[in-house]
């Protein structure tokens, strides 16, 4: 039950935290560089790297159906470059 409460709180507060960090980063770049375009580009790159770090829902749903290999599988260890089949 506690895990559900924690997940709900993290889902609720994560966008706010990311937004605050991006705004503060933009303001810091704006003050340091005095160039709004460069500050905006730096903030955009930061947002893109944050999005890449968190991934997207589409990628995580594909990962669930990705092929899996077992370390104890004789073919996985003896055949270099072998791709195991899906475990469906």
N, C-alpha and C. Protein backbone atom coordinates (compact mmCIF):
# COMPACT_ATOMS: atom_id res chain seq x y z
N UNK A 1 0.81 -1.19 0.00
CA UNK A 1 0.00 0.00 0.00
C UNK A 1 0.86 1.26 0.00
N UNK A 2 1.97 1.21 0.75
CA UNK A 2 2.84 2.38 0.81
C UNK A 2 3.47 2.68 -0.55
N UNK A 3 3.78 1.64 -1.31
CA UNK A 3 4.38 1.84 -2.63
C UNK A 3 3.44 2.59 -3.56
N UNK A 4 2.15 2.32 -3.47
CA UNK A 4 1.18 3.02 -4.30
C UNK A 4 1.10 4.48 -3.92
N UNK A 5 1.16 4.77 -2.61
CA UNK A 5 1.14 6.16 -2.16
C UNK A 5 2.38 6.90 -2.63
N UNK A 6 3.53 6.25 -2.53
CA UNK A 6 4.78 6.86 -2.98
C UNK A 6 4.76 7.11 -4.48
N UNK A 7 4.29 6.13 -5.25
CA UNK A 7 4.22 6.29 -6.70
C UNK A 7 3.27 7.43 -7.07
N UNK A 8 2.14 7.52 -6.40
CA UNK A 8 1.19 8.60 -6.68
C UNK A 8 1.82 9.96 -6.38
N UNK A 9 2.53 10.06 -5.26
CA UNK A 9 3.17 11.33 -4.91
C UNK A 9 4.28 11.68 -5.89
N UNK A 10 5.08 10.68 -6.30
CA UNK A 10 6.14 10.94 -7.27
C UNK A 10 5.57 11.34 -8.63
N UNK A 11 4.51 10.67 -9.06
CA UNK A 11 3.87 11.02 -10.33
C UNK A 11 3.31 12.43 -10.30
N UNK A 12 2.86 12.84 -9.12
CA UNK A 12 2.26 14.17 -8.98
C UNK A 12 3.33 15.27 -8.93
N UNK A 13 4.44 15.01 -8.24
CA UNK A 13 5.42 16.07 -8.01
C UNK A 13 6.57 16.12 -9.01
N UNK A 14 6.81 15.06 -9.76
CA UNK A 14 7.94 15.04 -10.69
C UNK A 14 7.86 16.14 -11.75
N UNK A 15 6.72 16.35 -12.42
CA UNK A 15 6.67 17.43 -13.41
C UNK A 15 6.93 18.82 -12.81
N UNK A 16 6.46 19.03 -11.58
CA UNK A 16 6.68 20.31 -10.92
C UNK A 16 8.17 20.51 -10.64
N UNK A 17 8.84 19.49 -10.15
CA UNK A 17 10.27 19.59 -9.85
C UNK A 17 11.07 19.83 -11.14
N UNK A 18 10.75 19.10 -12.18
CA UNK A 18 11.45 19.29 -13.45
C UNK A 18 11.22 20.70 -13.98
N UNK A 19 10.00 21.19 -13.87
CA UNK A 19 9.69 22.55 -14.32
C UNK A 19 10.47 23.61 -13.56
N UNK A 20 10.54 23.45 -12.24
CA UNK A 20 11.28 24.42 -11.42
C UNK A 20 12.76 24.40 -11.78
N UNK A 21 13.32 23.22 -11.95
CA UNK A 21 14.74 23.11 -12.31
C UNK A 21 15.00 23.75 -13.68
N UNK A 22 14.11 23.54 -14.64
CA UNK A 22 14.29 24.15 -15.96
C UNK A 22 14.19 25.67 -15.91
N UNK A 23 13.24 26.18 -15.15
CA UNK A 23 13.09 27.64 -15.04
C UNK A 23 14.32 28.24 -14.36
N UNK A 24 14.77 27.63 -13.28
CA UNK A 24 15.96 28.15 -12.60
C UNK A 24 17.20 28.05 -13.49
N UNK A 25 17.32 26.98 -14.25
CA UNK A 25 18.43 26.85 -15.19
C UNK A 25 18.39 27.92 -16.26
N UNK A 26 17.19 28.21 -16.78
CA UNK A 26 17.04 29.26 -17.78
C UNK A 26 17.44 30.61 -17.20
N UNK A 27 16.96 30.91 -15.98
CA UNK A 27 17.30 32.19 -15.36
C UNK A 27 18.80 32.31 -15.09
N UNK A 28 19.41 31.24 -14.65
CA UNK A 28 20.85 31.27 -14.41
C UNK A 28 21.63 31.50 -15.70
N UNK A 29 21.24 30.80 -16.77
CA UNK A 29 21.91 31.01 -18.06
C UNK A 29 21.66 32.42 -18.59
N UNK A 30 20.46 32.93 -18.38
CA UNK A 30 20.13 34.28 -18.84
C UNK A 30 20.97 35.32 -18.12
N UNK A 31 21.13 35.16 -16.82
CA UNK A 31 21.93 36.11 -16.05
C UNK A 31 23.42 35.98 -16.40
N UNK A 32 23.90 34.75 -16.52
CA UNK A 32 25.32 34.52 -16.77
C UNK A 32 25.73 34.93 -18.18
N UNK A 33 24.89 34.62 -19.16
CA UNK A 33 25.29 34.85 -20.55
C UNK A 33 24.69 36.12 -21.16
N UNK A 34 23.61 36.61 -20.57
CA UNK A 34 22.89 37.79 -21.09
C UNK A 34 22.50 37.61 -22.55
N UNK A 35 22.14 36.40 -22.89
CA UNK A 35 21.72 36.09 -24.26
C UNK A 35 20.48 35.18 -24.16
N UNK A 36 19.29 35.76 -24.38
CA UNK A 36 18.06 34.97 -24.22
C UNK A 36 17.97 33.76 -25.15
N UNK A 37 18.47 33.90 -26.37
CA UNK A 37 18.39 32.79 -27.32
C UNK A 37 19.25 31.61 -26.85
N UNK A 38 20.45 31.90 -26.41
CA UNK A 38 21.33 30.83 -25.94
C UNK A 38 20.77 30.20 -24.67
N UNK A 39 20.19 31.02 -23.79
CA UNK A 39 19.57 30.48 -22.57
C UNK A 39 18.39 29.58 -22.92
N UNK A 40 17.60 29.98 -23.90
CA UNK A 40 16.46 29.17 -24.32
C UNK A 40 16.93 27.86 -24.95
N UNK A 41 17.97 27.92 -25.77
CA UNK A 41 18.51 26.70 -26.39
C UNK A 41 19.10 25.76 -25.33
N UNK A 42 19.79 26.33 -24.36
CA UNK A 42 20.34 25.51 -23.28
C UNK A 42 19.24 24.83 -22.48
N UNK A 43 18.16 25.55 -22.23
CA UNK A 43 17.03 24.97 -21.51
C UNK A 43 16.36 23.88 -22.34
N UNK A 44 16.25 24.09 -23.63
CA UNK A 44 15.64 23.09 -24.51
C UNK A 44 16.49 21.81 -24.53
N UNK A 45 17.79 21.95 -24.61
CA UNK A 45 18.69 20.78 -24.59
C UNK A 45 18.57 20.05 -23.25
N UNK A 46 18.47 20.82 -22.18
CA UNK A 46 18.31 20.20 -20.86
C UNK A 46 17.00 19.43 -20.77
N UNK A 47 15.94 20.00 -21.33
CA UNK A 47 14.64 19.32 -21.33
C UNK A 47 14.70 18.03 -22.16
N UNK A 48 15.38 18.09 -23.30
CA UNK A 48 15.49 16.90 -24.14
C UNK A 48 16.31 15.80 -23.45
N UNK A 49 17.37 16.18 -22.75
CA UNK A 49 18.16 15.17 -22.06
C UNK A 49 17.40 14.58 -20.88
N UNK A 50 16.58 15.40 -20.22
CA UNK A 50 15.75 14.88 -19.13
C UNK A 50 14.71 13.91 -19.68
N UNK A 51 14.10 14.25 -20.81
CA UNK A 51 13.12 13.37 -21.43
C UNK A 51 13.77 12.05 -21.86
N UNK A 52 14.99 12.12 -22.36
CA UNK A 52 15.70 10.91 -22.77
C UNK A 52 16.05 10.05 -21.56
N UNK A 53 16.40 10.70 -20.45
CA UNK A 53 16.74 9.94 -19.25
C UNK A 53 15.53 9.22 -18.67
N UNK A 54 14.38 9.87 -18.71
CA UNK A 54 13.17 9.25 -18.18
C UNK A 54 12.55 8.28 -19.17
N UNK A 55 12.85 8.44 -20.45
CA UNK A 55 12.26 7.57 -21.46
C UNK A 55 10.81 7.91 -21.71
N UNK A 56 10.21 7.19 -22.61
CA UNK A 56 8.80 7.44 -22.89
C UNK A 56 8.01 6.18 -22.58
N UNK A 57 6.73 6.34 -22.43
CA UNK A 57 5.86 5.20 -22.12
C UNK A 57 5.87 4.19 -23.26
N UNK A 58 5.97 4.66 -24.48
CA UNK A 58 5.97 3.78 -25.65
C UNK A 58 7.17 2.84 -25.61
N UNK A 59 8.33 3.35 -25.25
CA UNK A 59 9.53 2.51 -25.20
C UNK A 59 9.42 1.48 -24.09
N UNK A 60 8.87 1.87 -22.95
CA UNK A 60 8.79 0.92 -21.84
C UNK A 60 7.78 -0.18 -22.13
N UNK A 61 6.74 0.12 -22.91
CA UNK A 61 5.78 -0.93 -23.23
C UNK A 61 6.37 -1.89 -24.26
N UNK A 62 7.24 -1.40 -25.13
CA UNK A 62 7.91 -2.29 -26.08
C UNK A 62 8.93 -3.17 -25.38
N UNK A 63 9.56 -2.63 -24.35
CA UNK A 63 10.57 -3.37 -23.61
C UNK A 63 9.96 -4.59 -22.93
N UNK A 64 8.70 -4.50 -22.54
CA UNK A 64 8.06 -5.62 -21.86
C UNK A 64 7.92 -6.82 -22.78
N UNK A 65 7.78 -6.59 -24.08
CA UNK A 65 7.62 -7.71 -25.01
C UNK A 65 8.91 -8.02 -25.77
N UNK A 66 10.02 -7.44 -25.32
CA UNK A 66 11.30 -7.68 -26.00
C UNK A 66 11.77 -9.10 -25.73
N UNK A 67 12.58 -9.63 -26.64
CA UNK A 67 13.11 -10.98 -26.43
C UNK A 67 13.98 -11.03 -25.18
N UNK A 68 13.95 -12.16 -24.52
CA UNK A 68 14.75 -12.31 -23.31
C UNK A 68 15.69 -13.50 -23.47
N UNK A 69 16.84 -13.41 -22.84
CA UNK A 69 17.80 -14.51 -22.85
C UNK A 69 18.08 -14.91 -21.41
N UNK A 70 18.25 -16.15 -21.22
CA UNK A 70 18.61 -16.65 -19.90
C UNK A 70 20.11 -16.91 -19.90
N UNK A 71 20.77 -16.52 -18.83
CA UNK A 71 22.22 -16.73 -18.75
C UNK A 71 22.57 -18.21 -18.71
N UNK A 72 21.63 -19.03 -18.27
CA UNK A 72 21.90 -20.45 -18.19
C UNK A 72 21.59 -21.17 -19.51
N UNK A 73 21.12 -20.45 -20.49
CA UNK A 73 20.80 -21.05 -21.78
C UNK A 73 22.10 -21.44 -22.49
N UNK A 74 22.23 -22.68 -22.92
CA UNK A 74 23.48 -23.10 -23.57
C UNK A 74 23.72 -22.38 -24.89
N UNK A 75 22.65 -22.07 -25.64
CA UNK A 75 22.83 -21.38 -26.92
C UNK A 75 23.27 -19.94 -26.71
N UNK A 76 22.75 -19.31 -25.64
CA UNK A 76 23.09 -17.91 -25.39
C UNK A 76 24.57 -17.75 -25.08
N UNK A 77 25.15 -18.71 -24.37
CA UNK A 77 26.55 -18.55 -23.99
C UNK A 77 27.50 -19.10 -25.05
N UNK A 78 27.06 -20.08 -25.88
CA UNK A 78 27.99 -20.71 -26.81
C UNK A 78 27.96 -20.10 -28.20
N UNK A 79 26.92 -19.36 -28.55
CA UNK A 79 26.82 -18.80 -29.89
C UNK A 79 27.01 -17.29 -29.83
N UNK A 80 28.13 -16.77 -30.33
CA UNK A 80 28.34 -15.33 -30.29
C UNK A 80 27.35 -14.63 -31.22
N UNK A 81 26.82 -13.53 -30.73
CA UNK A 81 25.89 -12.74 -31.54
C UNK A 81 24.50 -13.35 -31.67
N UNK A 82 24.23 -14.42 -30.92
CA UNK A 82 22.92 -15.08 -31.02
C UNK A 82 21.85 -14.25 -30.35
N UNK A 83 20.71 -14.09 -31.00
CA UNK A 83 19.58 -13.41 -30.41
C UNK A 83 18.56 -14.46 -30.00
N UNK A 84 18.21 -14.44 -28.74
CA UNK A 84 17.23 -15.41 -28.24
C UNK A 84 15.85 -15.04 -28.74
N UNK A 85 15.00 -16.03 -28.83
CA UNK A 85 13.64 -15.77 -29.28
C UNK A 85 12.80 -15.24 -28.15
N UNK A 86 11.65 -14.69 -28.49
CA UNK A 86 10.74 -14.12 -27.51
C UNK A 86 10.21 -15.21 -26.59
N UNK A 87 9.93 -14.85 -25.34
CA UNK A 87 9.47 -15.83 -24.36
C UNK A 87 7.95 -15.86 -24.26
N UNK A 88 7.25 -15.61 -25.33
CA UNK A 88 5.78 -15.61 -25.32
C UNK A 88 5.23 -16.98 -25.25
